[in-house]
Amino acid sequence: MPPDRAKIIGISRHRLSTDGDGVTTLVAFHGCPLRCHYCLNPQSLGDSDRFKEYTPQSLYDEVRIDELYFIATNGGVTFGGGEPALRPDFIRRFRELCGPSWRLTLETSLNVPQENIEALLPVVDSWIID
């Protein structure tokens, strides 16, 4: 898939104290290099044709409805999945759109190429590593 597009298995809004500080929106990417027996999102491994495809701009347009919550509570968007660190270009472009006011959190296994993590270090505010 091109770096300007990503398949998303779900978007969950108005989350409190589960995916980072403040009010957050969880964006779950399709795809993961692992096949954990205890996977919390096994749908991220399934048929990728049934999930909605987003560009960074279309995702930003969908989640920015909660911008006031993000800013007022020091919240933002948590990227999970699947494995969001497989999509560093997408996440970097999303950061350009939302600016520094939103907190970006990445929930990752770190089981990706090192250059993916290095590309995300300047744009991700917090990391949840599992």
N, C-alpha and C. Protein backbone atom coordinates (compact mmCIF):
# COMPACT_ATOMS: atom_id res chain seq x y z
N MET A 1 0.85 -1.18 0.00
CA MET A 1 0.00 0.00 0.00
C MET A 1 0.90 1.24 0.00
N PRO A 2 0.54 2.27 -0.78
CA PRO A 2 1.35 3.50 -0.83
C PRO A 2 1.43 4.15 0.55
N PRO A 3 2.52 4.88 0.84
CA PRO A 3 2.69 5.49 2.16
C PRO A 3 1.65 6.56 2.49
N ASP A 4 0.95 7.05 1.47
CA ASP A 4 -0.06 8.08 1.72
C ASP A 4 -1.44 7.49 1.95
N ARG A 5 -1.53 6.17 2.09
CA ARG A 5 -2.80 5.48 2.35
C ARG A 5 -2.58 4.39 3.38
N ALA A 6 -3.61 4.16 4.20
CA ALA A 6 -3.53 3.09 5.19
C ALA A 6 -4.91 2.52 5.42
N LYS A 7 -4.96 1.22 5.65
CA LYS A 7 -6.22 0.58 6.03
C LYS A 7 -6.36 0.65 7.53
N ILE A 8 -7.54 1.10 7.96
CA ILE A 8 -7.83 1.30 9.37
C ILE A 8 -8.93 0.32 9.77
N ILE A 9 -8.70 -0.43 10.86
CA ILE A 9 -9.70 -1.41 11.30
C ILE A 9 -10.75 -0.78 12.20
N GLY A 10 -10.45 0.42 12.73
CA GLY A 10 -11.44 1.08 13.57
C GLY A 10 -10.92 2.38 14.15
N ILE A 11 -11.87 3.24 14.49
CA ILE A 11 -11.59 4.52 15.15
C ILE A 11 -12.52 4.58 16.36
N SER A 12 -11.94 4.75 17.53
CA SER A 12 -12.70 4.79 18.78
C SER A 12 -12.46 6.13 19.46
N ARG A 13 -13.51 6.93 19.58
CA ARG A 13 -13.41 8.29 20.11
C ARG A 13 -13.73 8.36 21.60
N HIS A 14 -13.32 9.47 22.20
CA HIS A 14 -13.64 9.83 23.59
C HIS A 14 -13.16 8.80 24.60
N ARG A 15 -11.93 8.35 24.45
CA ARG A 15 -11.36 7.40 25.39
C ARG A 15 -10.66 8.19 26.48
N LEU A 16 -10.82 7.75 27.72
CA LEU A 16 -10.23 8.43 28.87
C LEU A 16 -9.29 7.50 29.62
N SER A 17 -8.06 7.93 29.79
CA SER A 17 -7.08 7.24 30.63
C SER A 17 -6.79 5.80 30.21
N THR A 18 -6.98 5.47 28.95
CA THR A 18 -6.65 4.12 28.50
C THR A 18 -5.54 4.13 27.45
N ASP A 19 -5.43 5.21 26.69
CA ASP A 19 -4.47 5.26 25.58
C ASP A 19 -3.59 6.50 25.66
N GLY A 20 -3.33 6.97 26.86
CA GLY A 20 -2.54 8.17 27.00
C GLY A 20 -3.28 9.20 27.82
N ASP A 21 -2.70 10.38 27.91
CA ASP A 21 -3.28 11.45 28.71
C ASP A 21 -4.52 12.03 28.06
N GLY A 22 -5.40 12.59 28.90
CA GLY A 22 -6.56 13.32 28.41
C GLY A 22 -7.52 12.48 27.60
N VAL A 23 -8.34 13.17 26.82
CA VAL A 23 -9.28 12.52 25.91
C VAL A 23 -8.51 12.12 24.65
N THR A 24 -8.65 10.85 24.29
CA THR A 24 -7.95 10.37 23.11
C THR A 24 -8.91 9.71 22.13
N THR A 25 -8.44 9.63 20.91
CA THR A 25 -9.10 8.84 19.87
C THR A 25 -8.11 7.76 19.46
N LEU A 26 -8.54 6.51 19.52
CA LEU A 26 -7.69 5.40 19.11
C LEU A 26 -7.94 5.12 17.63
N VAL A 27 -6.87 5.11 16.87
CA VAL A 27 -6.92 4.76 15.45
C VAL A 27 -6.13 3.46 15.29
N ALA A 28 -6.81 2.39 14.90
CA ALA A 28 -6.20 1.07 14.81
C ALA A 28 -5.91 0.71 13.36
N PHE A 29 -4.64 0.50 13.07
CA PHE A 29 -4.19 0.14 11.73
C PHE A 29 -4.36 -1.34 11.47
N HIS A 30 -4.58 -1.68 10.22
CA HIS A 30 -4.60 -3.06 9.77
C HIS A 30 -3.15 -3.49 9.52
N GLY A 31 -2.85 -4.73 9.87
CA GLY A 31 -1.55 -5.31 9.57
C GLY A 31 -0.63 -5.35 10.76
N CYS A 32 0.05 -6.49 10.91
CA CYS A 32 0.99 -6.68 12.01
C CYS A 32 1.95 -7.79 11.60
N PRO A 33 3.25 -7.64 11.93
CA PRO A 33 4.20 -8.70 11.60
C PRO A 33 4.13 -9.88 12.57
N LEU A 34 3.45 -9.72 13.69
CA LEU A 34 3.36 -10.78 14.69
C LEU A 34 2.05 -11.55 14.55
N ARG A 35 2.02 -12.70 15.13
CA ARG A 35 0.80 -13.51 15.19
C ARG A 35 0.63 -14.02 16.62
N CYS A 36 0.49 -13.06 17.55
CA CYS A 36 0.43 -13.40 18.97
C CYS A 36 -0.84 -14.20 19.29
N HIS A 37 -0.68 -15.21 20.08
CA HIS A 37 -1.81 -16.03 20.50
C HIS A 37 -2.84 -15.21 21.28
N TYR A 38 -2.38 -14.21 22.02
CA TYR A 38 -3.23 -13.39 22.87
C TYR A 38 -3.62 -12.06 22.22
N CYS A 39 -3.51 -11.94 20.92
CA CYS A 39 -3.77 -10.67 20.22
C CYS A 39 -5.13 -10.08 20.59
N LEU A 40 -5.12 -8.79 20.97
CA LEU A 40 -6.37 -8.11 21.33
C LEU A 40 -7.17 -7.66 20.12
N ASN A 41 -6.53 -7.55 18.97
CA ASN A 41 -7.19 -7.10 17.74
C ASN A 41 -6.91 -8.08 16.60
N PRO A 42 -7.38 -9.31 16.69
CA PRO A 42 -7.09 -10.27 15.63
C PRO A 42 -7.67 -9.85 14.27
N GLN A 43 -8.65 -8.95 14.28
CA GLN A 43 -9.20 -8.48 13.02
C GLN A 43 -8.15 -7.68 12.23
N SER A 44 -7.10 -7.23 12.90
CA SER A 44 -6.04 -6.51 12.20
C SER A 44 -5.23 -7.44 11.30
N LEU A 45 -5.42 -8.73 11.45
CA LEU A 45 -4.70 -9.72 10.65
C LEU A 45 -5.56 -10.31 9.54
N GLY A 46 -6.86 -10.03 9.56
CA GLY A 46 -7.80 -10.69 8.64
C GLY A 46 -7.85 -10.06 7.27
N ASP A 47 -8.93 -10.34 6.59
CA ASP A 47 -9.16 -9.87 5.22
C ASP A 47 -9.10 -8.35 5.16
N SER A 48 -8.08 -7.84 4.51
CA SER A 48 -7.87 -6.40 4.48
C SER A 48 -8.79 -5.68 3.50
N ASP A 49 -9.59 -6.38 2.74
CA ASP A 49 -10.47 -5.72 1.77
C ASP A 49 -11.70 -5.11 2.41
N ARG A 50 -12.01 -5.47 3.64
CA ARG A 50 -13.25 -4.97 4.24
C ARG A 50 -13.05 -3.74 5.11
N PHE A 51 -11.84 -3.25 5.25
CA PHE A 51 -11.57 -2.11 6.09
C PHE A 51 -11.49 -0.83 5.28
N LYS A 52 -11.76 0.28 5.95
CA LYS A 52 -11.76 1.57 5.28
C LYS A 52 -10.34 2.06 5.07
N GLU A 53 -10.09 2.58 3.90
CA GLU A 53 -8.79 3.12 3.57
C GLU A 53 -8.80 4.64 3.76
N TYR A 54 -7.76 5.16 4.38
CA TYR A 54 -7.65 6.59 4.67
C TYR A 54 -6.36 7.14 4.11
N THR A 55 -6.37 8.42 3.81
CA THR A 55 -5.15 9.19 3.62
C THR A 55 -4.93 9.93 4.93
N PRO A 56 -3.75 10.48 5.17
CA PRO A 56 -3.58 11.30 6.37
C PRO A 56 -4.61 12.44 6.44
N GLN A 57 -4.90 13.05 5.30
CA GLN A 57 -5.86 14.15 5.28
C GLN A 57 -7.27 13.66 5.62
N SER A 58 -7.71 12.55 5.06
CA SER A 58 -9.07 12.09 5.35
C SER A 58 -9.21 11.64 6.80
N LEU A 59 -8.15 11.05 7.36
CA LEU A 59 -8.19 10.68 8.78
C LEU A 59 -8.23 11.93 9.65
N TYR A 60 -7.41 12.91 9.34
CA TYR A 60 -7.42 14.17 10.08
C TYR A 60 -8.81 14.82 10.02
N ASP A 61 -9.41 14.84 8.84
CA ASP A 61 -10.74 15.43 8.69
C ASP A 61 -11.76 14.72 9.57
N GLU A 62 -11.62 13.41 9.75
CA GLU A 62 -12.57 12.65 10.55
C GLU A 62 -12.37 12.86 12.05
N VAL A 63 -11.13 12.94 12.52
CA VAL A 63 -10.91 13.01 13.96
C VAL A 63 -10.82 14.44 14.51
N ARG A 64 -10.66 15.41 13.66
CA ARG A 64 -10.49 16.78 14.17
C ARG A 64 -11.75 17.34 14.83
N ILE A 65 -12.87 16.66 14.69
CA ILE A 65 -14.10 17.07 15.38
C ILE A 65 -13.87 17.14 16.89
N ASP A 66 -12.90 16.39 17.40
CA ASP A 66 -12.62 16.36 18.83
C ASP A 66 -11.42 17.21 19.23
N GLU A 67 -10.99 18.10 18.37
CA GLU A 67 -9.80 18.91 18.65
C GLU A 67 -9.90 19.69 19.96
N LEU A 68 -11.05 20.26 20.26
CA LEU A 68 -11.20 21.00 21.52
C LEU A 68 -10.96 20.11 22.73
N TYR A 69 -11.44 18.88 22.68
CA TYR A 69 -11.19 17.92 23.77
C TYR A 69 -9.69 17.64 23.89
N PHE A 70 -9.05 17.43 22.75
CA PHE A 70 -7.62 17.12 22.77
C PHE A 70 -6.83 18.26 23.42
N ILE A 71 -7.10 19.46 22.98
CA ILE A 71 -6.34 20.61 23.47
C ILE A 71 -6.65 20.89 24.94
N ALA A 72 -7.92 20.83 25.33
CA ALA A 72 -8.32 21.14 26.70
C ALA A 72 -7.80 20.12 27.71
N THR A 73 -7.58 18.88 27.29
CA THR A 73 -7.21 17.82 28.24
C THR A 73 -5.79 17.29 28.02
N ASN A 74 -5.03 17.90 27.10
CA ASN A 74 -3.70 17.41 26.73
C ASN A 74 -3.80 16.00 26.15
N GLY A 75 -4.86 15.77 25.40
CA GLY A 75 -5.07 14.48 24.76
C GLY A 75 -4.69 14.53 23.29
N GLY A 76 -5.20 13.56 22.56
CA GLY A 76 -4.89 13.51 21.13
C GLY A 76 -5.23 12.17 20.54
N VAL A 77 -4.40 11.74 19.62
CA VAL A 77 -4.64 10.51 18.87
C VAL A 77 -3.62 9.46 19.29
N THR A 78 -4.12 8.26 19.56
CA THR A 78 -3.26 7.11 19.81
C THR A 78 -3.37 6.19 18.61
N PHE A 79 -2.23 5.90 18.01
CA PHE A 79 -2.18 4.96 16.90
C PHE A 79 -1.86 3.58 17.44
N GLY A 80 -2.73 2.62 17.14
CA GLY A 80 -2.56 1.25 17.57
C GLY A 80 -2.79 0.33 16.40
N GLY A 81 -3.22 -0.85 16.69
CA GLY A 81 -3.46 -1.75 15.58
C GLY A 81 -3.82 -3.13 16.01
N GLY A 82 -3.25 -3.89 15.20
CA GLY A 82 -2.16 -3.98 14.24
C GLY A 82 -0.91 -3.26 14.78
N GLU A 83 -0.04 -2.96 13.83
CA GLU A 83 1.24 -2.34 14.16
C GLU A 83 1.38 -1.00 13.44
N PRO A 84 1.15 0.11 14.15
CA PRO A 84 1.22 1.42 13.51
C PRO A 84 2.62 1.81 13.06
N ALA A 85 3.65 1.26 13.69
CA ALA A 85 5.01 1.63 13.31
C ALA A 85 5.39 1.10 11.92
N LEU A 86 4.50 0.33 11.30
CA LEU A 86 4.71 -0.06 9.90
C LEU A 86 4.37 1.09 8.95
N ARG A 87 3.74 2.15 9.47
CA ARG A 87 3.26 3.26 8.63
C ARG A 87 3.89 4.60 9.05
N PRO A 88 5.21 4.70 9.15
CA PRO A 88 5.82 5.95 9.63
C PRO A 88 5.54 7.15 8.74
N ASP A 89 5.52 6.97 7.43
CA ASP A 89 5.27 8.11 6.54
C ASP A 89 3.85 8.65 6.73
N PHE A 90 2.90 7.75 6.90
CA PHE A 90 1.51 8.15 7.12
C PHE A 90 1.41 8.96 8.42
N ILE A 91 2.02 8.46 9.49
CA ILE A 91 1.94 9.13 10.78
C ILE A 91 2.68 10.47 10.76
N ARG A 92 3.81 10.54 10.08
CA ARG A 92 4.54 11.81 9.96
C ARG A 92 3.69 12.84 9.22
N ARG A 93 3.04 12.42 8.17
CA ARG A 93 2.18 13.35 7.40
C ARG A 93 0.99 13.78 8.26
N PHE A 94 0.41 12.86 9.03
CA PHE A 94 -0.69 13.21 9.92
C PHE A 94 -0.24 14.26 10.93
N ARG A 95 0.96 14.11 11.48
CA ARG A 95 1.49 15.11 12.43
C ARG A 95 1.60 16.49 11.78
N GLU A 96 2.00 16.54 10.54
CA GLU A 96 2.07 17.82 9.83
C GLU A 96 0.70 18.48 9.77
N LEU A 97 -0.34 17.69 9.61
CA LEU A 97 -1.69 18.23 9.50
C LEU A 97 -2.24 18.68 10.85
N CYS A 98 -2.03 17.91 11.90
CA CYS A 98 -2.62 18.24 13.20
C CYS A 98 -1.79 19.24 13.97
N GLY A 99 -0.52 19.36 13.66
CA GLY A 99 0.34 20.30 14.36
C GLY A 99 0.73 19.80 15.74
N PRO A 100 1.42 20.65 16.51
CA PRO A 100 1.96 20.22 17.81
C PRO A 100 0.95 20.24 18.95
N SER A 101 -0.26 20.77 18.74
CA SER A 101 -1.23 20.88 19.83
C SER A 101 -1.82 19.55 20.27
N TRP A 102 -1.89 18.60 19.36
CA TRP A 102 -2.42 17.29 19.69
C TRP A 102 -1.27 16.40 20.15
N ARG A 103 -1.55 15.59 21.14
CA ARG A 103 -0.58 14.62 21.61
C ARG A 103 -0.73 13.36 20.76
N LEU A 104 0.36 12.88 20.20
CA LEU A 104 0.33 11.63 19.44
C LEU A 104 1.03 10.55 20.25
N THR A 105 0.33 9.44 20.42
CA THR A 105 0.84 8.29 21.15
C THR A 105 0.88 7.12 20.19
N LEU A 106 1.89 6.29 20.31
CA LEU A 106 2.00 5.11 19.47
C LEU A 106 2.04 3.88 20.36
N GLU A 107 1.11 2.95 20.12
CA GLU A 107 1.12 1.66 20.80
C GLU A 107 1.74 0.65 19.85
N THR A 108 2.89 0.12 20.23
CA THR A 108 3.68 -0.67 19.30
C THR A 108 4.39 -1.83 20.00
N SER A 109 4.72 -2.84 19.23
CA SER A 109 5.55 -3.94 19.73
C SER A 109 7.03 -3.66 19.47
N LEU A 110 7.33 -2.64 18.69
CA LEU A 110 8.68 -2.30 18.23
C LEU A 110 9.25 -3.36 17.30
N ASN A 111 8.45 -4.30 16.84
CA ASN A 111 8.92 -5.35 15.95
C ASN A 111 8.82 -4.87 14.49
N VAL A 112 9.57 -3.82 14.22
CA VAL A 112 9.61 -3.21 12.89
C VAL A 112 11.06 -2.81 12.62
N PRO A 113 11.39 -2.47 11.39
CA PRO A 113 12.75 -2.01 11.13
C PRO A 113 13.10 -0.77 11.97
N GLN A 114 14.35 -0.72 12.39
CA GLN A 114 14.81 0.38 13.25
C GLN A 114 14.57 1.74 12.61
N GLU A 115 14.70 1.83 11.30
CA GLU A 115 14.49 3.12 10.63
C GLU A 115 13.05 3.61 10.76
N ASN A 116 12.10 2.71 10.91
CA ASN A 116 10.71 3.13 11.14
C ASN A 116 10.60 3.86 12.47
N ILE A 117 11.20 3.30 13.51
CA ILE A 117 11.16 3.94 14.83
C ILE A 117 11.90 5.27 14.79
N GLU A 118 13.06 5.30 14.16
CA GLU A 118 13.82 6.54 14.06
C GLU A 118 13.03 7.63 13.34
N ALA A 119 12.27 7.26 12.31
CA ALA A 119 11.46 8.23 11.58
C ALA A 119 10.32 8.77 12.44
N LEU A 120 9.85 7.98 13.39
CA LEU A 120 8.73 8.38 14.24
C LEU A 120 9.14 9.16 15.49
N LEU A 121 10.38 9.04 15.91
CA LEU A 121 10.82 9.70 17.14
C LEU A 121 10.52 11.20 17.17
N PRO A 122 10.71 11.95 16.07
CA PRO A 122 10.45 13.40 16.14
C PRO A 122 8.97 13.77 16.18
N VAL A 123 8.07 12.83 15.86
CA VAL A 123 6.65 13.20 15.73
C VAL A 123 5.74 12.56 16.78
N VAL A 124 6.22 11.56 17.49
CA VAL A 124 5.41 10.87 18.49
C VAL A 124 5.78 11.41 19.88
N ASP A 125 4.73 11.77 20.65
CA ASP A 125 4.94 12.33 21.98
C ASP A 125 5.12 11.26 23.05
N SER A 126 4.39 10.17 22.96
CA SER A 126 4.53 9.08 23.93
C SER A 126 4.37 7.74 23.25
N TRP A 127 4.94 6.76 23.93
CA TRP A 127 4.99 5.41 23.41
C TRP A 127 4.40 4.44 24.43
N ILE A 128 3.57 3.54 23.94
CA ILE A 128 3.08 2.42 24.75
C ILE A 128 3.65 1.19 24.07
N ILE A 129 4.55 0.51 24.76
CA ILE A 129 5.26 -0.61 24.13
C ILE A 129 4.78 -1.90 24.80
N ASP A 130 4.26 -2.78 23.96
CA ASP A 130 3.80 -4.07 24.48
C ASP A 130 4.16 -5.20 23.54
